[in-house]
C-alpha atoms as a PDB file:
ATOM      1  CA  MET A   1     -10.726   8.932 -11.234  1.00  0.00           C
ATOM      2  CA  ALA A   2     -10.057   5.387 -12.592  1.00  0.00           C
ATOM      3  CA  THR A   3      -9.110   2.622 -10.393  1.00  0.00           C
ATOM      4  CA  LEU A   4      -5.640   1.408  -9.924  1.00  0.00           C
ATOM      5  CA  LEU A   5      -4.637  -2.230 -10.081  1.00  0.00           C
ATOM      6  CA  TYR A   6      -1.477  -3.467  -8.887  1.00  0.00           C
ATOM      7  CA  ASN A   7      -0.409  -7.439  -8.412  1.00  0.00           C
ATOM      8  CA  LEU A   8       2.060  -7.267  -6.376  1.00  0.00           C
ATOM      9  CA  VAL A   9       4.760 -10.241  -5.209  1.00  0.00           C
ATOM     10  CA  ASN A  10       8.034 -10.150  -2.996  1.00  0.00           C
ATOM     11  CA  GLU A  11       9.093  -8.275  -0.046  1.00  0.00           C
ATOM     12  CA  TYR A  12       9.192  -5.194  -2.026  1.00  0.00           C
ATOM     13  CA  THR A  13       8.764  -1.231  -1.560  1.00  0.00           C
ATOM     14  CA  THR A  14       6.589   0.541  -3.991  1.00  0.00           C
ATOM     15  CA  GLU A  15       4.623   3.402  -4.960  1.00  0.00           C
ATOM     16  CA  LEU A  16       1.398   3.428  -5.503  1.00  0.00           C
ATOM     17  CA  LEU A  17       1.005   7.098  -6.131  1.00  0.00           C
ATOM     18  CA  ALA A  18       3.473   9.133  -7.334  1.00  0.00           C
ATOM     19  CA  PRO A  19       3.825  12.659  -5.341  1.00  0.00           C
ATOM     20  CA  GLY A  20       1.789  15.308  -7.379  1.00  0.00           C
ATOM     21  CA  SER A  21      -0.531  12.432  -9.370  1.00  0.00           C
ATOM     22  CA  LYS A  22      -3.541  14.268  -7.739  1.00  0.00           C
ATOM     23  CA  VAL A  23      -5.359  11.629  -6.184  1.00  0.00           C
ATOM     24  CA  ASN A  24      -8.574  12.174  -4.044  1.00  0.00           C
ATOM     25  CA  ILE A  25      -8.862   8.422  -2.817  1.00  0.00           C
ATOM     26  CA  ARG A  26     -12.076   7.271  -1.763  1.00  0.00           C
ATOM     27  CA  LYS A  27     -10.393   3.872  -0.647  1.00  0.00           C
ATOM     28  CA  LEU A  28      -7.992   1.391  -0.692  1.00  0.00           C
ATOM     29  CA  SER A  29      -8.009  -2.339  -0.417  1.00  0.00           C
ATOM     30  CA  ILE A  30      -5.584  -4.594   0.263  1.00  0.00           C
ATOM     31  CA  ALA A  31      -6.036  -8.237  -0.507  1.00  0.00           C
ATOM     32  CA  ASN A  32      -4.138 -11.075   1.011  1.00  0.00           C
ATOM     33  CA  VAL A  33      -3.822 -13.475  -2.575  1.00  0.00           C
ATOM     34  CA  GLN A  34      -0.572 -15.412  -0.944  1.00  0.00           C
ATOM     35  CA  GLY A  35      -2.863 -18.213  -0.201  1.00  0.00           C
ATOM     36  CA  THR A  36      -0.778 -20.800   2.540  1.00  0.00           C
ATOM     37  CA  ASN A  37       0.903 -17.530   5.083  1.00  0.00           C
ATOM     38  CA  ALA A  38       0.048 -14.177   6.186  1.00  0.00           C
ATOM     39  CA  CYS A  39       1.531 -11.169   4.950  1.00  0.00           C
ATOM     40  CA  SER A  40       3.288  -8.494   6.923  1.00  0.00           C
ATOM     41  CA  VAL A  41       1.940  -4.890   5.119  1.00  0.00           C
ATOM     42  CA  ASP A  42       3.895  -1.840   5.485  1.00  0.00           C
ATOM     43  CA  LEU A  43       1.431   1.835   4.002  1.00  0.00           C
ATOM     44  CA  PHE A  44       3.264   5.361   4.806  1.00  0.00           C
ATOM     45  CA  ILE A  45       3.464   8.242   3.019  1.00  0.00           C
ATOM     46  CA  GLU A  46       7.096  10.269   2.239  1.00  0.00           C
ATOM     47  CA  LYS A  47       8.073  13.615   1.270  1.00  0.00           C
ATOM     48  CA  ILE A  48      11.620  13.768  -0.569  1.00  0.00           C
ATOM     49  CA  GLY A  49      13.841  16.479   2.426  1.00  0.00           C
ATOM     50  CA  THR A  50      10.538  14.925   4.759  1.00  0.00           C
ATOM     51  CA  GLY A  51      10.412  11.783   5.765  1.00  0.00           C
ATOM     52  CA  LYS A  52       8.184   9.132   5.620  1.00  0.00           C
ATOM     53  CA  TYR A  53       4.769   9.034   7.897  1.00  0.00           C
ATOM     54  CA  TYR A  54       3.071   5.646   8.235  1.00  0.00           C
ATOM     55  CA  PHE A  55      -0.414   4.812   8.220  1.00  0.00           C
ATOM     56  CA  PHE A  56       1.095   1.389   9.636  1.00  0.00           C
ATOM     57  CA  LYS A  57       3.354  -0.592   9.943  1.00  0.00           C
ATOM     58  CA  GLY A  58       4.109  -4.319  10.592  1.00  0.00           C
ATOM     59  CA  ILE A  59       0.049  -4.770  10.118  1.00  0.00           C
ATOM     60  CA  SER A  60      -0.814  -8.542   9.735  1.00  0.00           C
ATOM     61  CA  ILE A  61      -3.018  -9.569   6.870  1.00  0.00           C
ATOM     62  CA  PRO A  62      -4.340 -13.441   7.354  1.00  0.00           C
ATOM     63  CA  ILE A  63      -4.686 -14.955   4.216  1.00  0.00           C
ATOM     64  CA  ASN A  64      -7.667 -15.549   2.059  1.00  0.00           C
ATOM     65  CA  THR A  65      -8.380 -11.765   3.503  1.00  0.00           C
ATOM     66  CA  THR A  66      -8.990  -8.078   3.174  1.00  0.00           C
ATOM     67  CA  LEU A  67      -7.830  -5.062   4.358  1.00  0.00           C
ATOM     68  CA  GLU A  68      -9.969  -1.573   3.359  1.00  0.00           C
ATOM     69  CA  TYR A  69      -8.871   1.720   4.715  1.00  0.00           C
ATOM     70  CA  LYS A  70      -9.123   5.226   3.274  1.00  0.00           C
ATOM     71  CA  PRO A  71      -5.670   7.120   3.583  1.00  0.00           C
ATOM     72  CA  ILE A  72      -6.291  10.873   3.678  1.00  0.00           C
ATOM     73  CA  PHE A  73      -2.444  13.213   2.795  1.00  0.00           C
ATOM     74  CA  ASN A  74      -2.078  15.885   0.281  1.00  0.00           C
ATOM     75  CA  ASN A  75      -0.936  14.332  -2.901  1.00  0.00           C
ATOM     76  CA  ALA A  76      -0.368  17.582  -4.544  1.00  0.00           C
ATOM     77  CA  PRO A  77       2.420  18.501  -7.139  1.00  0.00           C
ATOM     78  CA  GLY A  78       5.433  18.723  -4.201  1.00  0.00           C
ATOM     79  CA  GLU A  79       3.913  16.683  -1.756  1.00  0.00           C
ATOM     80  CA  TYR A  80       3.643  12.805  -0.883  1.00  0.00           C
ATOM     81  CA  GLY A  81       3.526  10.067  -2.370  1.00  0.00           C
ATOM     82  CA  LEU A  82       2.281   6.017  -1.375  1.00  0.00           C
ATOM     83  CA  TYR A  83       3.764   3.962  -0.641  1.00  0.00           C
ATOM     84  CA  ILE A  84       3.619  -0.193   0.605  1.00  0.00           C
ATOM     85  CA  LYS A  85       6.435  -3.053   1.688  1.00  0.00           C
ATOM     86  CA  LEU A  86       5.124  -6.452   2.117  1.00  0.00           C
ATOM     87  CA  THR A  87       6.990  -8.579   3.857  1.00  0.00           C
ATOM     88  CA  ALA A  88       6.520 -12.142   4.899  1.00  0.00           C
ATOM     89  CA  ALA A  89       7.098 -14.186   8.026  1.00  0.00           C
ATOM     90  CA  THR A  90       7.624 -17.747   5.216  1.00  0.00           C
ATOM     91  CA  GLY A  91       6.695 -17.807   1.804  1.00  0.00           C
ATOM     92  CA  THR A  92       6.067 -15.102  -0.635  1.00  0.00           C
ATOM     93  CA  PRO A  93       4.113 -12.052  -0.149  1.00  0.00           C
ATOM     94  CA  ALA A  94       1.440 -11.202  -2.470  1.00  0.00           C
ATOM     95  CA  VAL A  95      -1.454  -8.980  -2.058  1.00  0.00           C
ATOM     96  CA  ASP A  96      -3.546  -7.140  -4.908  1.00  0.00           C
ATOM     97  CA  VAL A  97      -4.241  -3.609  -4.997  1.00  0.00           C
ATOM     98  CA  MET A  98      -6.862  -1.704  -6.015  1.00  0.00           C
ATOM     99  CA  ILE A  99      -7.287   1.980  -5.502  1.00  0.00           C
ATOM    100  CA  LEU A 100     -10.819   3.546  -5.880  1.00  0.00           C
END
């Protein structure tokens, strides 16, 4: 599998993996690259008609810090997609995400 890379800025929810993309994640890396403020991150899976399930919600990633995580879920067709939401107490949140 190729590495998927994202540069995310602002308080948005972003789809990292669509349902049915059949990706087996070895590791997910989330780096706070904002430079002056911590960033709050929600990482969750969602399936239409079933709802959201959080791996973590509101976890604070300090400046210049990377969080590595191994989410395990069913990404087969008709199953779950992987999503991330950024929030900042002050400033604009900015993270780099790598899916390996």
